[in-house]
Amino acid sequence: MTGSSLFVLGGARSGKSRYAQARAEVAGDNPVFVATAEAFDDEMRDRIARHRADRDARWTTVEAPRALPAAIDALNAKDAVVLVDCLTLWVSNLLLAEADIALAGRQLCDAIARFEGSLILVANEVGLGIVPDNALARAFRDAAGQLNQSVAATAREVVLLTVGLPLTLKSDG
């Protein structure tokens, strides 16, 4: 692994996106936001608009709802600062597309390991709640949990956000 990689995870409304954005803005002058969300309804369109409004003119946005490893590879450069938000939505997109999530996860971890710049990835920690009552929700929780474990093993730094406070779980520096 040549660059820096930070994996930020936490629950809903934990402050993880704000923390990740602040870290990206400190890391470089021209950060790139890789968005995995797709706006299927008005609520998600509003959420995406709020996130865009939080970023200033320095930011470039790349949409990658499913082809995330390829998008990361395309942005790979020593001076690149890339923020991916979020892996949980990416898993959801892959699950709904009936993609091979295990293969996609391996490809993502390979792209993380190859990245030469500063890469920040955000995900929800979905395994702390109750066991879902239906097969699709359980499959999603399991896939997201497996991906989070793989990304945490690959990333050089892992930070858990809760109530807006960061807790460093892993640091290779």
N, C-alpha and C. Protein backbone atom coordinates (compact mmCIF):
# COMPACT_ATOMS: atom_id res chain seq x y z
N MET A 1 0.85 -1.17 0.00
CA MET A 1 0.00 0.00 0.00
C MET A 1 0.89 1.24 0.00
N THR A 2 0.64 2.14 -0.94
CA THR A 2 1.53 3.28 -1.09
C THR A 2 0.98 4.57 -0.52
N GLY A 3 -0.32 4.79 -0.61
CA GLY A 3 -0.90 6.05 -0.14
C GLY A 3 -1.43 5.93 1.27
N SER A 4 -2.32 6.87 1.61
CA SER A 4 -2.98 6.79 2.91
C SER A 4 -4.43 6.40 2.69
N SER A 5 -4.94 5.60 3.60
CA SER A 5 -6.34 5.20 3.50
C SER A 5 -6.97 5.27 4.89
N LEU A 6 -8.09 5.95 4.95
CA LEU A 6 -8.84 6.14 6.19
C LEU A 6 -10.24 5.58 5.98
N PHE A 7 -10.65 4.72 6.89
CA PHE A 7 -12.00 4.16 6.87
C PHE A 7 -12.75 4.74 8.06
N VAL A 8 -13.83 5.46 7.78
CA VAL A 8 -14.63 6.12 8.81
C VAL A 8 -15.99 5.42 8.86
N LEU A 9 -16.32 4.90 10.03
CA LEU A 9 -17.63 4.27 10.14
C LEU A 9 -18.32 4.70 11.42
N GLY A 10 -19.62 4.53 11.42
CA GLY A 10 -20.43 4.90 12.58
C GLY A 10 -21.89 4.70 12.24
N GLY A 11 -22.74 4.96 13.20
CA GLY A 11 -24.18 4.82 12.99
C GLY A 11 -24.74 6.00 12.22
N ALA A 12 -26.03 5.93 11.96
CA ALA A 12 -26.72 7.02 11.27
C ALA A 12 -26.63 8.29 12.10
N ARG A 13 -26.33 9.40 11.45
CA ARG A 13 -26.25 10.73 12.07
C ARG A 13 -25.18 10.79 13.15
N SER A 14 -24.12 10.02 12.99
CA SER A 14 -23.05 9.97 13.99
C SER A 14 -21.99 11.05 13.78
N GLY A 15 -22.01 11.71 12.61
CA GLY A 15 -21.00 12.72 12.29
C GLY A 15 -19.91 12.21 11.39
N LYS A 16 -20.06 10.99 10.87
CA LYS A 16 -18.98 10.38 10.08
C LYS A 16 -18.73 11.13 8.77
N SER A 17 -19.75 11.56 8.07
CA SER A 17 -19.54 12.27 6.81
C SER A 17 -18.88 13.62 7.04
N ARG A 18 -19.30 14.33 8.06
CA ARG A 18 -18.71 15.63 8.39
C ARG A 18 -17.24 15.46 8.76
N TYR A 19 -16.94 14.44 9.56
CA TYR A 19 -15.56 14.17 9.96
C TYR A 19 -14.72 13.81 8.73
N ALA A 20 -15.22 12.94 7.88
CA ALA A 20 -14.48 12.51 6.69
C ALA A 20 -14.24 13.70 5.76
N GLN A 21 -15.24 14.56 5.58
CA GLN A 21 -15.08 15.73 4.73
C GLN A 21 -14.02 16.66 5.28
N ALA A 22 -14.02 16.89 6.58
CA ALA A 22 -13.01 17.76 7.19
C ALA A 22 -11.61 17.18 7.00
N ARG A 23 -11.47 15.87 7.15
CA ARG A 23 -10.16 15.23 6.95
C ARG A 23 -9.71 15.38 5.49
N ALA A 24 -10.64 15.23 4.55
CA ALA A 24 -10.29 15.38 3.13
C ALA A 24 -9.87 16.80 2.81
N GLU A 25 -10.56 17.77 3.37
CA GLU A 25 -10.24 19.17 3.09
C GLU A 25 -8.88 19.56 3.64
N VAL A 26 -8.44 18.95 4.70
CA VAL A 26 -7.11 19.19 5.25
C VAL A 26 -6.04 18.50 4.39
N ALA A 27 -6.41 17.37 3.77
CA ALA A 27 -5.44 16.55 3.02
C ALA A 27 -5.05 17.15 1.68
N GLY A 28 -5.88 17.99 1.09
CA GLY A 28 -5.54 18.53 -0.22
C GLY A 28 -6.47 19.64 -0.67
N ASP A 29 -6.03 20.34 -1.73
CA ASP A 29 -6.76 21.51 -2.21
C ASP A 29 -7.89 21.20 -3.18
N ASN A 30 -7.84 20.04 -3.85
CA ASN A 30 -8.84 19.71 -4.87
C ASN A 30 -9.44 18.34 -4.61
N PRO A 31 -10.18 18.19 -3.52
CA PRO A 31 -10.72 16.87 -3.20
C PRO A 31 -11.82 16.45 -4.17
N VAL A 32 -11.94 15.14 -4.32
CA VAL A 32 -12.97 14.54 -5.17
C VAL A 32 -13.92 13.76 -4.28
N PHE A 33 -15.20 13.99 -4.45
CA PHE A 33 -16.24 13.28 -3.72
C PHE A 33 -16.79 12.20 -4.63
N VAL A 34 -16.66 10.94 -4.24
CA VAL A 34 -17.23 9.84 -5.01
C VAL A 34 -18.53 9.44 -4.32
N ALA A 35 -19.63 9.70 -5.02
CA ALA A 35 -20.97 9.46 -4.48
C ALA A 35 -21.49 8.11 -4.94
N THR A 36 -22.01 7.34 -4.00
CA THR A 36 -22.59 6.04 -4.35
C THR A 36 -24.11 6.06 -4.30
N ALA A 37 -24.69 7.14 -3.80
CA ALA A 37 -26.15 7.22 -3.65
C ALA A 37 -26.83 7.40 -5.00
N GLU A 38 -28.01 6.83 -5.10
CA GLU A 38 -28.88 7.07 -6.24
C GLU A 38 -30.17 7.66 -5.70
N ALA A 39 -30.68 8.68 -6.37
CA ALA A 39 -31.87 9.39 -5.90
C ALA A 39 -33.13 8.74 -6.45
N PHE A 40 -33.65 7.76 -5.72
CA PHE A 40 -34.86 7.07 -6.16
C PHE A 40 -36.14 7.72 -5.65
N ASP A 41 -36.01 8.63 -4.67
CA ASP A 41 -37.20 9.29 -4.13
C ASP A 41 -36.84 10.71 -3.69
N ASP A 42 -37.87 11.48 -3.31
CA ASP A 42 -37.65 12.88 -2.94
C ASP A 42 -36.78 13.02 -1.70
N GLU A 43 -36.94 12.13 -0.73
CA GLU A 43 -36.14 12.22 0.49
C GLU A 43 -34.66 12.06 0.17
N MET A 44 -34.33 11.11 -0.70
CA MET A 44 -32.93 10.90 -1.05
C MET A 44 -32.41 12.06 -1.91
N ARG A 45 -33.23 12.60 -2.78
CA ARG A 45 -32.83 13.78 -3.56
C ARG A 45 -32.50 14.94 -2.62
N ASP A 46 -33.33 15.15 -1.59
CA ASP A 46 -33.07 16.22 -0.61
C ASP A 46 -31.79 15.95 0.17
N ARG A 47 -31.57 14.71 0.56
CA ARG A 47 -30.37 14.34 1.32
C ARG A 47 -29.12 14.60 0.48
N ILE A 48 -29.15 14.21 -0.80
CA ILE A 48 -28.02 14.43 -1.70
C ILE A 48 -27.77 15.93 -1.86
N ALA A 49 -28.83 16.71 -2.02
CA ALA A 49 -28.69 18.16 -2.17
C ALA A 49 -28.07 18.79 -0.93
N ARG A 50 -28.46 18.33 0.26
CA ARG A 50 -27.87 18.86 1.50
C ARG A 50 -26.39 18.54 1.57
N HIS A 51 -26.01 17.31 1.21
CA HIS A 51 -24.60 16.93 1.24
C HIS A 51 -23.79 17.78 0.24
N ARG A 52 -24.34 18.01 -0.95
CA ARG A 52 -23.64 18.83 -1.95
C ARG A 52 -23.47 20.26 -1.45
N ALA A 53 -24.48 20.77 -0.78
CA ALA A 53 -24.41 22.14 -0.26
C ALA A 53 -23.34 22.28 0.82
N ASP A 54 -23.01 21.18 1.49
CA ASP A 54 -21.98 21.20 2.52
C ASP A 54 -20.57 21.29 1.95
N ARG A 55 -20.42 21.01 0.66
CA ARG A 55 -19.10 21.03 0.03
C ARG A 55 -18.94 22.32 -0.77
N ASP A 56 -17.75 22.93 -0.67
CA ASP A 56 -17.52 24.19 -1.37
C ASP A 56 -17.00 23.94 -2.79
N ALA A 57 -16.61 25.01 -3.47
CA ALA A 57 -16.24 24.96 -4.88
C ALA A 57 -14.97 24.15 -5.16
N ARG A 58 -14.18 23.85 -4.13
CA ARG A 58 -12.97 23.03 -4.33
C ARG A 58 -13.30 21.61 -4.76
N TRP A 59 -14.48 21.14 -4.43
CA TRP A 59 -14.85 19.74 -4.61
C TRP A 59 -15.31 19.44 -6.02
N THR A 60 -14.90 18.29 -6.52
CA THR A 60 -15.43 17.69 -7.75
C THR A 60 -16.22 16.46 -7.33
N THR A 61 -17.32 16.19 -7.99
CA THR A 61 -18.13 15.02 -7.65
C THR A 61 -18.10 14.01 -8.80
N VAL A 62 -17.92 12.76 -8.43
CA VAL A 62 -17.96 11.64 -9.37
C VAL A 62 -19.04 10.69 -8.87
N GLU A 63 -19.92 10.27 -9.75
CA GLU A 63 -20.99 9.33 -9.39
C GLU A 63 -20.51 7.91 -9.67
N ALA A 64 -20.61 7.04 -8.66
CA ALA A 64 -20.19 5.64 -8.82
C ALA A 64 -21.11 4.74 -7.99
N PRO A 65 -22.37 4.60 -8.41
CA PRO A 65 -23.30 3.80 -7.61
C PRO A 65 -22.98 2.30 -7.59
N ARG A 66 -22.29 1.80 -8.61
CA ARG A 66 -21.94 0.38 -8.63
C ARG A 66 -20.47 0.13 -9.01
N ALA A 67 -19.91 0.90 -9.91
CA ALA A 67 -18.54 0.67 -10.39
C ALA A 67 -17.52 1.41 -9.53
N LEU A 68 -17.59 1.20 -8.23
CA LEU A 68 -16.73 1.95 -7.31
C LEU A 68 -15.25 1.62 -7.44
N PRO A 69 -14.84 0.34 -7.50
CA PRO A 69 -13.40 0.08 -7.65
C PRO A 69 -12.81 0.73 -8.91
N ALA A 70 -13.54 0.70 -10.01
CA ALA A 70 -13.07 1.33 -11.25
C ALA A 70 -12.96 2.84 -11.08
N ALA A 71 -13.91 3.45 -10.37
CA ALA A 71 -13.85 4.90 -10.15
C ALA A 71 -12.64 5.27 -9.30
N ILE A 72 -12.36 4.48 -8.27
CA ILE A 72 -11.19 4.74 -7.43
C ILE A 72 -9.91 4.60 -8.26
N ASP A 73 -9.84 3.54 -9.05
CA ASP A 73 -8.66 3.35 -9.90
C ASP A 73 -8.48 4.51 -10.87
N ALA A 74 -9.57 5.02 -11.43
CA ALA A 74 -9.48 6.13 -12.39
C ALA A 74 -8.98 7.42 -11.74
N LEU A 75 -9.18 7.56 -10.45
CA LEU A 75 -8.76 8.77 -9.73
C LEU A 75 -7.40 8.61 -9.07
N ASN A 76 -6.79 7.46 -9.20
CA ASN A 76 -5.54 7.15 -8.51
C ASN A 76 -4.39 8.03 -9.00
N ALA A 77 -3.84 8.81 -8.09
CA ALA A 77 -2.66 9.65 -8.34
C ALA A 77 -2.05 10.01 -6.99
N LYS A 78 -0.76 10.27 -7.00
CA LYS A 78 -0.06 10.57 -5.73
C LYS A 78 -0.64 11.78 -5.01
N ASP A 79 -1.12 12.78 -5.75
CA ASP A 79 -1.65 13.99 -5.12
C ASP A 79 -3.17 13.99 -4.98
N ALA A 80 -3.81 12.87 -5.29
CA ALA A 80 -5.27 12.79 -5.24
C ALA A 80 -5.76 12.73 -3.80
N VAL A 81 -6.88 13.39 -3.57
CA VAL A 81 -7.62 13.28 -2.31
C VAL A 81 -9.03 12.88 -2.70
N VAL A 82 -9.42 11.68 -2.30
CA VAL A 82 -10.70 11.11 -2.71
C VAL A 82 -11.48 10.69 -1.48
N LEU A 83 -12.74 11.13 -1.42
CA LEU A 83 -13.66 10.76 -0.35
C LEU A 83 -14.81 9.95 -0.96
N VAL A 84 -14.98 8.73 -0.51
CA VAL A 84 -16.07 7.87 -0.96
C VAL A 84 -17.13 7.84 0.13
N ASP A 85 -18.35 8.25 -0.23
CA ASP A 85 -19.45 8.28 0.74
C ASP A 85 -20.71 7.79 0.04
N CYS A 86 -21.20 6.60 0.31
CA CYS A 86 -20.73 5.71 1.35
C CYS A 86 -20.78 4.26 0.86
N LEU A 87 -20.00 3.43 1.51
CA LEU A 87 -19.92 2.01 1.15
C LEU A 87 -21.21 1.27 1.43
N THR A 88 -21.96 1.71 2.41
CA THR A 88 -23.21 1.04 2.76
C THR A 88 -24.24 1.17 1.64
N LEU A 89 -24.34 2.35 1.06
CA LEU A 89 -25.24 2.52 -0.09
C LEU A 89 -24.74 1.72 -1.29
N TRP A 90 -23.43 1.65 -1.45
CA TRP A 90 -22.85 0.85 -2.54
C TRP A 90 -23.25 -0.61 -2.39
N VAL A 91 -23.15 -1.16 -1.18
CA VAL A 91 -23.56 -2.55 -0.94
C VAL A 91 -25.03 -2.72 -1.26
N SER A 92 -25.85 -1.77 -0.86
CA SER A 92 -27.28 -1.83 -1.16
C SER A 92 -27.52 -1.85 -2.67
N ASN A 93 -26.82 -0.99 -3.40
CA ASN A 93 -26.95 -0.95 -4.86
C ASN A 93 -26.56 -2.29 -5.47
N LEU A 94 -25.45 -2.86 -5.00
CA LEU A 94 -24.99 -4.16 -5.52
C LEU A 94 -25.98 -5.27 -5.19
N LEU A 95 -26.50 -5.26 -3.99
CA LEU A 95 -27.46 -6.28 -3.57
C LEU A 95 -28.71 -6.23 -4.43
N LEU A 96 -29.22 -5.03 -4.67
CA LEU A 96 -30.42 -4.88 -5.49
C LEU A 96 -30.15 -5.25 -6.95
N ALA A 97 -28.90 -5.09 -7.41
CA ALA A 97 -28.54 -5.46 -8.78
C ALA A 97 -28.16 -6.93 -8.88
N GLU A 98 -28.23 -7.66 -7.75
CA GLU A 98 -27.87 -9.08 -7.69
C GLU A 98 -26.44 -9.33 -8.15
N ALA A 99 -25.55 -8.40 -7.80
CA ALA A 99 -24.13 -8.51 -8.14
C ALA A 99 -23.44 -9.43 -7.14
N ASP A 100 -22.26 -9.87 -7.50
CA ASP A 100 -21.43 -10.69 -6.62
C ASP A 100 -20.73 -9.74 -5.64
N ILE A 101 -21.29 -9.60 -4.46
CA ILE A 101 -20.80 -8.62 -3.48
C ILE A 101 -19.43 -9.02 -2.95
N ALA A 102 -19.20 -10.31 -2.77
CA ALA A 102 -17.88 -10.75 -2.27
C ALA A 102 -16.79 -10.38 -3.28
N LEU A 103 -17.04 -10.62 -4.56
CA LEU A 103 -16.07 -10.26 -5.60
C LEU A 103 -15.87 -8.75 -5.63
N ALA A 104 -16.96 -8.00 -5.59
CA ALA A 104 -16.86 -6.53 -5.61
C ALA A 104 -16.08 -6.03 -4.41
N GLY A 105 -16.27 -6.64 -3.26
CA GLY A 105 -15.52 -6.26 -2.06
C GLY A 105 -14.03 -6.51 -2.22
N ARG A 106 -13.67 -7.66 -2.81
CA ARG A 106 -12.25 -7.93 -3.06
C ARG A 106 -11.66 -6.92 -4.04
N GLN A 107 -12.43 -6.58 -5.08
CA GLN A 107 -11.96 -5.59 -6.04
C GLN A 107 -11.79 -4.22 -5.38
N LEU A 108 -12.71 -3.87 -4.48
CA LEU A 108 -12.60 -2.60 -3.75
C LEU A 108 -11.34 -2.60 -2.89
N CYS A 109 -11.11 -3.66 -2.15
CA CYS A 109 -9.92 -3.71 -1.28
C CYS A 109 -8.63 -3.66 -2.11
N ASP A 110 -8.64 -4.28 -3.27
CA ASP A 110 -7.48 -4.19 -4.16
C ASP A 110 -7.26 -2.74 -4.61
N ALA A 111 -8.34 -2.04 -4.95
CA ALA A 111 -8.24 -0.64 -5.38
C ALA A 111 -7.73 0.24 -4.23
N ILE A 112 -8.18 -0.04 -3.01
CA ILE A 112 -7.70 0.70 -1.84
C ILE A 112 -6.20 0.50 -1.69
N ALA A 113 -5.76 -0.75 -1.79
CA ALA A 113 -4.34 -1.07 -1.62
C ALA A 113 -3.47 -0.43 -2.69
N ARG A 114 -4.01 -0.27 -3.90
CA ARG A 114 -3.25 0.34 -5.01
C ARG A 114 -3.20 1.85 -4.95
N PHE A 115 -4.10 2.46 -4.21
CA PHE A 115 -4.27 3.91 -4.26
C PHE A 115 -3.04 4.62 -3.74
N GLU A 116 -2.53 5.58 -4.50
CA GLU A 116 -1.29 6.27 -4.16
C GLU A 116 -1.50 7.59 -3.43
N GLY A 117 -2.70 8.11 -3.46
CA GLY A 117 -2.98 9.39 -2.81
C GLY A 117 -3.60 9.19 -1.44
N SER A 118 -4.52 10.09 -1.11
CA SER A 118 -5.24 10.04 0.16
C SER A 118 -6.66 9.61 -0.12
N LEU A 119 -7.03 8.45 0.41
CA LEU A 119 -8.35 7.87 0.15
C LEU A 119 -9.10 7.75 1.47
N ILE A 120 -10.31 8.29 1.51
CA ILE A 120 -11.15 8.24 2.70
C ILE A 120 -12.46 7.57 2.30
N LEU A 121 -12.85 6.55 3.06
CA LEU A 121 -14.07 5.82 2.78
C LEU A 121 -14.98 5.86 3.99
N VAL A 122 -16.28 6.04 3.75
CA VAL A 122 -17.26 6.16 4.81
C VAL A 122 -18.25 5.00 4.70
N ALA A 123 -18.64 4.45 5.86
CA ALA A 123 -19.67 3.40 5.88
C ALA A 123 -20.44 3.47 7.18
N ASN A 124 -21.63 2.93 7.15
CA ASN A 124 -22.44 2.79 8.36
C ASN A 124 -22.06 1.50 9.07
N GLU A 125 -22.03 1.55 10.38
CA GLU A 125 -21.91 0.33 11.18
C GLU A 125 -23.33 -0.16 11.39
N VAL A 126 -23.69 -1.24 10.73
CA VAL A 126 -25.08 -1.71 10.75
C VAL A 126 -25.28 -2.92 11.65
N GLY A 127 -24.24 -3.40 12.29
CA GLY A 127 -24.35 -4.62 13.06
C GLY A 127 -24.63 -4.45 14.53
N LEU A 128 -24.94 -3.26 14.98
CA LEU A 128 -25.14 -3.03 16.41
C LEU A 128 -26.61 -3.08 16.84
N GLY A 129 -27.51 -3.20 15.88
CA GLY A 129 -28.93 -3.19 16.21
C GLY A 129 -29.51 -4.59 16.33
N ILE A 130 -30.82 -4.66 16.28
CA ILE A 130 -31.50 -5.94 16.39
C ILE A 130 -31.34 -6.74 15.09
N VAL A 131 -31.55 -8.04 15.16
CA VAL A 131 -31.50 -8.88 13.97
C VAL A 131 -32.73 -8.55 13.13
N PRO A 132 -32.52 -8.19 11.86
CA PRO A 132 -33.66 -7.85 11.00
C PRO A 132 -34.64 -9.01 10.87
N ASP A 133 -35.90 -8.68 10.61
CA ASP A 133 -36.94 -9.70 10.57
C ASP A 133 -37.19 -10.30 9.20
N ASN A 134 -36.39 -9.89 8.17
CA ASN A 134 -36.62 -10.47 6.85
C ASN A 134 -35.29 -10.81 6.18
N ALA A 135 -35.35 -11.70 5.24
CA ALA A 135 -34.14 -12.25 4.62
C ALA A 135 -33.32 -11.18 3.88
N LEU A 136 -33.99 -10.27 3.16
CA LEU A 136 -33.26 -9.25 2.42
C LEU A 136 -32.49 -8.33 3.38
N ALA A 137 -33.14 -7.90 4.44
CA ALA A 137 -32.47 -7.02 5.41
C ALA A 137 -31.32 -7.74 6.10
N ARG A 138 -31.49 -9.04 6.39
CA ARG A 138 -30.39 -9.80 7.01
C ARG A 138 -29.24 -9.96 6.02
N ALA A 139 -29.55 -10.22 4.75
CA ALA A 139 -28.50 -10.35 3.73
C ALA A 139 -27.73 -9.03 3.59
N PHE A 140 -28.46 -7.92 3.63
CA PHE A 140 -27.81 -6.61 3.55
C PHE A 140 -26.90 -6.38 4.75
N ARG A 141 -27.41 -6.62 5.95
CA ARG A 141 -26.61 -6.43 7.17
C ARG A 141 -25.37 -7.29 7.13
N ASP A 142 -25.51 -8.54 6.71
CA ASP A 142 -24.36 -9.46 6.65
C ASP A 142 -23.34 -9.00 5.61
N ALA A 143 -23.82 -8.60 4.43
CA ALA A 143 -22.90 -8.14 3.36
C ALA A 143 -22.17 -6.87 3.78
N ALA A 144 -22.90 -5.93 4.39
CA ALA A 144 -22.27 -4.68 4.84
C ALA A 144 -21.25 -4.97 5.94
N GLY A 145 -21.58 -5.86 6.85
CA GLY A 145 -20.64 -6.21 7.92
C GLY A 145 -19.38 -6.88 7.40
N GLN A 146 -19.53 -7.78 6.44
CA GLN A 146 -18.37 -8.45 5.85
C GLN A 146 -17.50 -7.44 5.10
N LEU A 147 -18.13 -6.55 4.33
CA LEU A 147 -17.37 -5.53 3.61
C LEU A 147 -16.63 -4.62 4.58
N ASN A 148 -17.31 -4.20 5.64
CA ASN A 148 -16.65 -3.33 6.62
C ASN A 148 -15.43 -4.00 7.22
N GLN A 149 -15.52 -5.29 7.52
CA GLN A 149 -14.37 -6.02 8.07
C GLN A 149 -13.21 -6.04 7.07
N SER A 150 -13.52 -6.29 5.80
CA SER A 150 -12.48 -6.35 4.77
C SER A 150 -11.82 -5.00 4.56
N VAL A 151 -12.63 -3.94 4.51
CA VAL A 151 -12.08 -2.60 4.31
C VAL A 151 -11.26 -2.19 5.53
N ALA A 152 -11.73 -2.51 6.73
CA ALA A 152 -10.98 -2.18 7.94
C ALA A 152 -9.64 -2.89 7.97
N ALA A 153 -9.60 -4.12 7.48
CA ALA A 153 -8.33 -4.86 7.43
C ALA A 153 -7.37 -4.25 6.41
N THR A 154 -7.90 -3.67 5.35
CA THR A 154 -7.08 -3.11 4.28
C THR A 154 -6.62 -1.68 4.57
N ALA A 155 -7.50 -0.88 5.15
CA ALA A 155 -7.20 0.53 5.40
C ALA A 155 -6.09 0.70 6.43
N ARG A 156 -5.33 1.75 6.27
CA ARG A 156 -4.25 2.05 7.22
C ARG A 156 -4.78 2.64 8.52
N GLU A 157 -5.90 3.35 8.44
CA GLU A 157 -6.48 3.98 9.62
C GLU A 157 -7.97 3.71 9.63
N VAL A 158 -8.51 3.40 10.80
CA VAL A 158 -9.94 3.17 10.96
C VAL A 158 -10.42 4.00 12.15
N VAL A 159 -11.46 4.80 11.92
CA VAL A 159 -12.01 5.66 12.96
C VAL A 159 -13.51 5.39 13.06
N LEU A 160 -13.97 5.16 14.28
CA LEU A 160 -15.39 4.99 14.57
C LEU A 160 -15.92 6.31 15.12
N LEU A 161 -17.02 6.79 14.54
CA LEU A 161 -17.66 8.02 15.02
C LEU A 161 -18.92 7.65 15.78
N THR A 162 -19.08 8.24 16.94
CA THR A 162 -20.32 8.11 17.68
C THR A 162 -20.58 9.43 18.37
N VAL A 163 -21.79 9.90 18.32
CA VAL A 163 -22.21 11.20 18.84
C VAL A 163 -21.25 12.32 18.45
N GLY A 164 -20.73 12.23 17.23
CA GLY A 164 -19.84 13.26 16.72
C GLY A 164 -18.40 13.16 17.20
N LEU A 165 -18.09 12.14 17.98
CA LEU A 165 -16.74 11.99 18.53
C LEU A 165 -16.01 10.85 17.86
N PRO A 166 -14.77 11.11 17.39
CA PRO A 166 -14.00 10.04 16.73
C PRO A 166 -13.25 9.18 17.75
N LEU A 167 -13.25 7.89 17.49
CA LEU A 167 -12.48 6.95 18.28
C LEU A 167 -11.60 6.17 17.29
N THR A 168 -10.30 6.32 17.39
CA THR A 168 -9.38 5.63 16.49
C THR A 168 -9.30 4.16 16.88
N LEU A 169 -9.66 3.31 15.93
CA LEU A 169 -9.61 1.86 16.16
C LEU A 169 -8.31 1.26 15.62
N LYS A 170 -7.75 1.91 14.61
CA LYS A 170 -6.54 1.39 13.96
C LYS A 170 -5.77 2.58 13.40
N SER A 171 -4.46 2.55 13.58
CA SER A 171 -3.63 3.60 13.01
C SER A 171 -2.26 3.02 12.67
N ASP A 172 -1.88 3.10 11.41
CA ASP A 172 -0.58 2.61 10.97
C ASP A 172 0.41 3.77 10.86
N GLY A 173 0.44 4.64 11.82
CA GLY A 173 1.32 5.77 11.66
C GLY A 173 1.69 6.44 12.93
